[in-house]
């Protein structure tokens, strides 16, 4: 009985300090989902990355909670083996003065996972699309060979 009360007290104390501090715990995963709807276009060919590498990319995509994209500058946001996920912020009509946007780690995970599910052929996958993202901005993304 006494051990049970002490256990509950220890858990409550640990929980209090874990939530009372502004520093996240090392094991805490912060996920960012900043994009909504996306189109998907099959871009799979013999030169596409291995689907198994792309699967590892989405399973291990937790290094950064989000990425900032600059207008017109495509950049790789994740690479694993032969698989790279790249994205670029594009001009969005009606949003004059907006020159950047953000994409979250959950967005990348969703786009890569869904592309693998939809387009894998002969152990390879390639895809691209356009997604509505943060603050009504738009990105073009693609999964391609490293």
C-alpha atoms as a PDB file:
ATOM      1  CA  UNK A   1       0.000   0.000   0.000  1.00  0.00           C
ATOM      2  CA  UNK A   2       2.759   2.441   0.992  1.00  0.00           C
ATOM      3  CA  UNK A   3       4.761   1.624  -2.159  1.00  0.00           C
ATOM      4  CA  UNK A   4       1.700   2.320  -4.302  1.00  0.00           C
ATOM      5  CA  UNK A   5       1.208   5.781  -2.766  1.00  0.00           C
ATOM      6  CA  UNK A   6       4.915   6.573  -3.170  1.00  0.00           C
ATOM      7  CA  UNK A   7       4.794   5.421  -6.801  1.00  0.00           C
ATOM      8  CA  UNK A   8       1.832   7.679  -7.527  1.00  0.00           C
ATOM      9  CA  UNK A   9       3.561  10.602  -5.808  1.00  0.00           C
ATOM     10  CA  UNK A  10       6.729  10.038  -7.845  1.00  0.00           C
ATOM     11  CA  UNK A  11       4.747   9.897 -11.103  1.00  0.00           C
ATOM     12  CA  UNK A  12       2.766  13.026 -10.221  1.00  0.00           C
ATOM     13  CA  UNK A  13       5.944  14.914  -9.282  1.00  0.00           C
ATOM     14  CA  UNK A  14       7.710  13.867 -12.481  1.00  0.00           C
ATOM     15  CA  UNK A  15       4.643  14.824 -14.497  1.00  0.00           C
ATOM     16  CA  UNK A  16       4.457  18.237 -12.791  1.00  0.00           C
ATOM     17  CA  UNK A  17       8.095  19.057 -13.490  1.00  0.00           C
ATOM     18  CA  UNK A  18       7.845  17.756 -17.062  1.00  0.00           C
ATOM     19  CA  UNK A  19       4.923  20.098 -17.794  1.00  0.00           C
ATOM     20  CA  UNK A  20       6.031  23.017 -15.619  1.00  0.00           C
ATOM     21  CA  UNK A  21       9.257  23.587 -17.513  1.00  0.00           C
ATOM     22  CA  UNK A  22       9.440  25.214 -20.927  1.00  0.00           C
ATOM     23  CA  UNK A  23      12.288  22.926 -21.996  1.00  0.00           C
ATOM     24  CA  UNK A  24      10.934  19.882 -23.872  1.00  0.00           C
ATOM     25  CA  UNK A  25      11.983  16.442 -22.717  1.00  0.00           C
ATOM     26  CA  UNK A  26      14.570  14.768 -24.939  1.00  0.00           C
ATOM     27  CA  UNK A  27      12.175  11.974 -25.887  1.00  0.00           C
ATOM     28  CA  UNK A  28       9.315  14.367 -26.669  1.00  0.00           C
ATOM     29  CA  UNK A  29       8.491  14.491 -30.404  1.00  0.00           C
ATOM     30  CA  UNK A  30       7.070  17.789 -31.567  1.00  0.00           C
ATOM     31  CA  UNK A  31       5.143  17.315 -34.801  1.00  0.00           C
ATOM     32  CA  UNK A  32       4.136  20.129 -37.095  1.00  0.00           C
ATOM     33  CA  UNK A  33       1.339  19.773 -39.619  1.00  0.00           C
ATOM     34  CA  UNK A  34       1.328  23.096 -41.491  1.00  0.00           C
ATOM     35  CA  UNK A  35      -0.046  22.052 -44.894  1.00  0.00           C
ATOM     36  CA  UNK A  36      -3.457  20.882 -45.987  1.00  0.00           C
ATOM     37  CA  UNK A  37      -4.623  19.470 -49.310  1.00  0.00           C
ATOM     38  CA  UNK A  38      -2.035  18.329 -51.855  1.00  0.00           C
ATOM     39  CA  UNK A  39      -2.176  17.067 -55.402  1.00  0.00           C
ATOM     40  CA  UNK A  40      -0.225  13.901 -56.253  1.00  0.00           C
ATOM     41  CA  UNK A  41       1.315  13.148 -59.653  1.00  0.00           C
ATOM     42  CA  UNK A  42       2.970   9.812 -60.403  1.00  0.00           C
ATOM     43  CA  UNK A  43       6.566  10.427 -61.490  1.00  0.00           C
ATOM     44  CA  UNK A  44       7.849   6.853 -61.060  1.00  0.00           C
ATOM     45  CA  UNK A  45      10.364   5.576 -63.606  1.00  0.00           C
ATOM     46  CA  UNK A  46      13.375   3.270 -63.766  1.00  0.00           C
ATOM     47  CA  UNK A  47      15.517   6.159 -62.489  1.00  0.00           C
ATOM     48  CA  UNK A  48      13.334   6.856 -59.451  1.00  0.00           C
ATOM     49  CA  UNK A  49      14.608   6.246 -55.916  1.00  0.00           C
ATOM     50  CA  UNK A  50      14.142   2.922 -54.171  1.00  0.00           C
ATOM     51  CA  UNK A  51      10.807   2.795 -52.354  1.00  0.00           C
ATOM     52  CA  UNK A  52      12.584   1.180 -49.378  1.00  0.00           C
ATOM     53  CA  UNK A  53      14.854   4.250 -49.055  1.00  0.00           C
ATOM     54  CA  UNK A  54      11.837   6.561 -49.232  1.00  0.00           C
ATOM     55  CA  UNK A  55      10.144   4.475 -46.536  1.00  0.00           C
ATOM     56  CA  UNK A  56      13.171   4.981 -44.286  1.00  0.00           C
ATOM     57  CA  UNK A  57      13.032   8.703 -45.067  1.00  0.00           C
ATOM     58  CA  UNK A  58       9.462   9.025 -43.795  1.00  0.00           C
ATOM     59  CA  UNK A  59      10.063   6.757 -40.803  1.00  0.00           C
ATOM     60  CA  UNK A  60      13.090   8.822 -39.743  1.00  0.00           C
ATOM     61  CA  UNK A  61      11.782  12.276 -40.653  1.00  0.00           C
ATOM     62  CA  UNK A  62      11.923  13.866 -37.211  1.00  0.00           C
ATOM     63  CA  UNK A  63      15.126  15.869 -37.186  1.00  0.00           C
ATOM     64  CA  UNK A  64      13.429  19.263 -37.504  1.00  0.00           C
ATOM     65  CA  UNK A  65       9.828  20.111 -36.585  1.00  0.00           C
ATOM     66  CA  UNK A  66       9.447  22.369 -39.632  1.00  0.00           C
ATOM     67  CA  UNK A  67      11.402  23.868 -42.541  1.00  0.00           C
ATOM     68  CA  UNK A  68      11.323  27.403 -43.912  1.00  0.00           C
ATOM     69  CA  UNK A  69      11.050  27.597 -47.708  1.00  0.00           C
ATOM     70  CA  UNK A  70      12.070  30.684 -49.664  1.00  0.00           C
ATOM     71  CA  UNK A  71      10.097  31.753 -52.725  1.00  0.00           C
ATOM     72  CA  UNK A  72      11.510  30.214 -55.898  1.00  0.00           C
ATOM     73  CA  UNK A  73      14.388  28.294 -54.274  1.00  0.00           C
ATOM     74  CA  UNK A  74      13.903  24.527 -54.275  1.00  0.00           C
ATOM     75  CA  UNK A  75      15.830  22.765 -51.558  1.00  0.00           C
ATOM     76  CA  UNK A  76      16.132  19.209 -50.278  1.00  0.00           C
ATOM     77  CA  UNK A  77      14.419  18.751 -46.906  1.00  0.00           C
ATOM     78  CA  UNK A  78      15.252  15.113 -46.330  1.00  0.00           C
ATOM     79  CA  UNK A  79      17.447  12.438 -47.879  1.00  0.00           C
ATOM     80  CA  UNK A  80      17.866   8.739 -47.184  1.00  0.00           C
ATOM     81  CA  UNK A  81      19.929   6.555 -49.509  1.00  0.00           C
ATOM     82  CA  UNK A  82      18.623   7.127 -53.039  1.00  0.00           C
ATOM     83  CA  UNK A  83      15.545   9.097 -51.917  1.00  0.00           C
ATOM     84  CA  UNK A  84      15.273  12.881 -51.574  1.00  0.00           C
ATOM     85  CA  UNK A  85      12.243  15.006 -50.685  1.00  0.00           C
ATOM     86  CA  UNK A  86      12.533  18.577 -52.013  1.00  0.00           C
ATOM     87  CA  UNK A  87      10.161  21.537 -51.949  1.00  0.00           C
ATOM     88  CA  UNK A  88       9.901  25.165 -53.051  1.00  0.00           C
ATOM     89  CA  UNK A  89       7.547  28.008 -52.114  1.00  0.00           C
ATOM     90  CA  UNK A  90       5.781  29.350 -55.200  1.00  0.00           C
ATOM     91  CA  UNK A  91       4.152  32.675 -56.033  1.00  0.00           C
ATOM     92  CA  UNK A  92       0.671  32.752 -54.555  1.00  0.00           C
ATOM     93  CA  UNK A  93      -1.795  35.179 -56.192  1.00  0.00           C
ATOM     94  CA  UNK A  94      -3.142  37.748 -53.748  1.00  0.00           C
ATOM     95  CA  UNK A  95      -0.327  37.354 -51.231  1.00  0.00           C
ATOM     96  CA  UNK A  96       1.960  40.168 -52.354  1.00  0.00           C
ATOM     97  CA  UNK A  97       5.015  40.548 -50.155  1.00  0.00           C
ATOM     98  CA  UNK A  98       5.024  36.924 -48.959  1.00  0.00           C
ATOM     99  CA  UNK A  99       8.446  35.493 -49.868  1.00  0.00           C
ATOM    100  CA  UNK A 100       8.611  32.404 -47.637  1.00  0.00           C
ATOM    101  CA  UNK A 101       6.501  29.694 -46.070  1.00  0.00           C
ATOM    102  CA  UNK A 102       6.860  26.734 -43.713  1.00  0.00           C
ATOM    103  CA  UNK A 103       6.300  23.010 -44.153  1.00  0.00           C
ATOM    104  CA  UNK A 104       6.064  20.737 -41.117  1.00  0.00           C
ATOM    105  CA  UNK A 105       7.695  17.389 -40.466  1.00  0.00           C
ATOM    106  CA  UNK A 106       4.272  15.722 -40.415  1.00  0.00           C
ATOM    107  CA  UNK A 107       3.523  17.187 -43.860  1.00  0.00           C
ATOM    108  CA  UNK A 108       6.686  15.629 -45.290  1.00  0.00           C
ATOM    109  CA  UNK A 109       5.899  12.312 -43.592  1.00  0.00           C
ATOM    110  CA  UNK A 110       2.351  12.311 -45.001  1.00  0.00           C
ATOM    111  CA  UNK A 111       3.421  13.224 -48.552  1.00  0.00           C
ATOM    112  CA  UNK A 112       6.193  10.611 -48.713  1.00  0.00           C
ATOM    113  CA  UNK A 113       4.087   7.859 -47.102  1.00  0.00           C
ATOM    114  CA  UNK A 114       1.082   8.528 -49.356  1.00  0.00           C
ATOM    115  CA  UNK A 115       3.286   8.660 -52.468  1.00  0.00           C
ATOM    116  CA  UNK A 116       4.801   5.275 -51.607  1.00  0.00           C
ATOM    117  CA  UNK A 117       1.311   3.849 -51.128  1.00  0.00           C
ATOM    118  CA  UNK A 118      -0.013   5.255 -54.417  1.00  0.00           C
ATOM    119  CA  UNK A 119       2.884   5.018 -56.856  1.00  0.00           C
ATOM    120  CA  UNK A 120       5.413   2.270 -55.970  1.00  0.00           C
ATOM    121  CA  UNK A 121       6.234   0.118 -58.998  1.00  0.00           C
ATOM    122  CA  UNK A 122       9.041  -2.428 -59.314  1.00  0.00           C
ATOM    123  CA  UNK A 123      10.471  -1.312 -55.971  1.00  0.00           C
ATOM    124  CA  UNK A 124      10.779   2.352 -57.019  1.00  0.00           C
ATOM    125  CA  UNK A 125       8.760   5.485 -56.402  1.00  0.00           C
ATOM    126  CA  UNK A 126       8.713   9.023 -57.719  1.00  0.00           C
ATOM    127  CA  UNK A 127       6.078  11.673 -57.150  1.00  0.00           C
ATOM    128  CA  UNK A 128       5.399  15.381 -57.175  1.00  0.00           C
ATOM    129  CA  UNK A 129       2.584  17.707 -56.295  1.00  0.00           C
ATOM    130  CA  UNK A 130       1.356  21.046 -55.039  1.00  0.00           C
ATOM    131  CA  UNK A 131       0.225  21.608 -51.443  1.00  0.00           C
ATOM    132  CA  UNK A 132      -1.645  24.391 -49.668  1.00  0.00           C
ATOM    133  CA  UNK A 133       0.453  25.375 -46.676  1.00  0.00           C
ATOM    134  CA  UNK A 134       1.054  27.827 -43.873  1.00  0.00           C
ATOM    135  CA  UNK A 135      -0.769  31.201 -44.052  1.00  0.00           C
ATOM    136  CA  UNK A 136      -2.465  30.445 -47.414  1.00  0.00           C
ATOM    137  CA  UNK A 137       0.824  29.878 -49.236  1.00  0.00           C
ATOM    138  CA  UNK A 138       1.526  27.113 -51.744  1.00  0.00           C
ATOM    139  CA  UNK A 139       4.495  24.792 -52.249  1.00  0.00           C
ATOM    140  CA  UNK A 140       5.607  22.486 -55.028  1.00  0.00           C
ATOM    141  CA  UNK A 141       7.192  19.296 -53.720  1.00  0.00           C
ATOM    142  CA  UNK A 142       8.795  16.235 -55.262  1.00  0.00           C
ATOM    143  CA  UNK A 143      10.318  12.883 -54.384  1.00  0.00           C
ATOM    144  CA  UNK A 144      13.323  12.192 -56.582  1.00  0.00           C
ATOM    145  CA  UNK A 145      16.614  10.337 -56.840  1.00  0.00           C
ATOM    146  CA  UNK A 146      19.483  11.746 -54.781  1.00  0.00           C
END
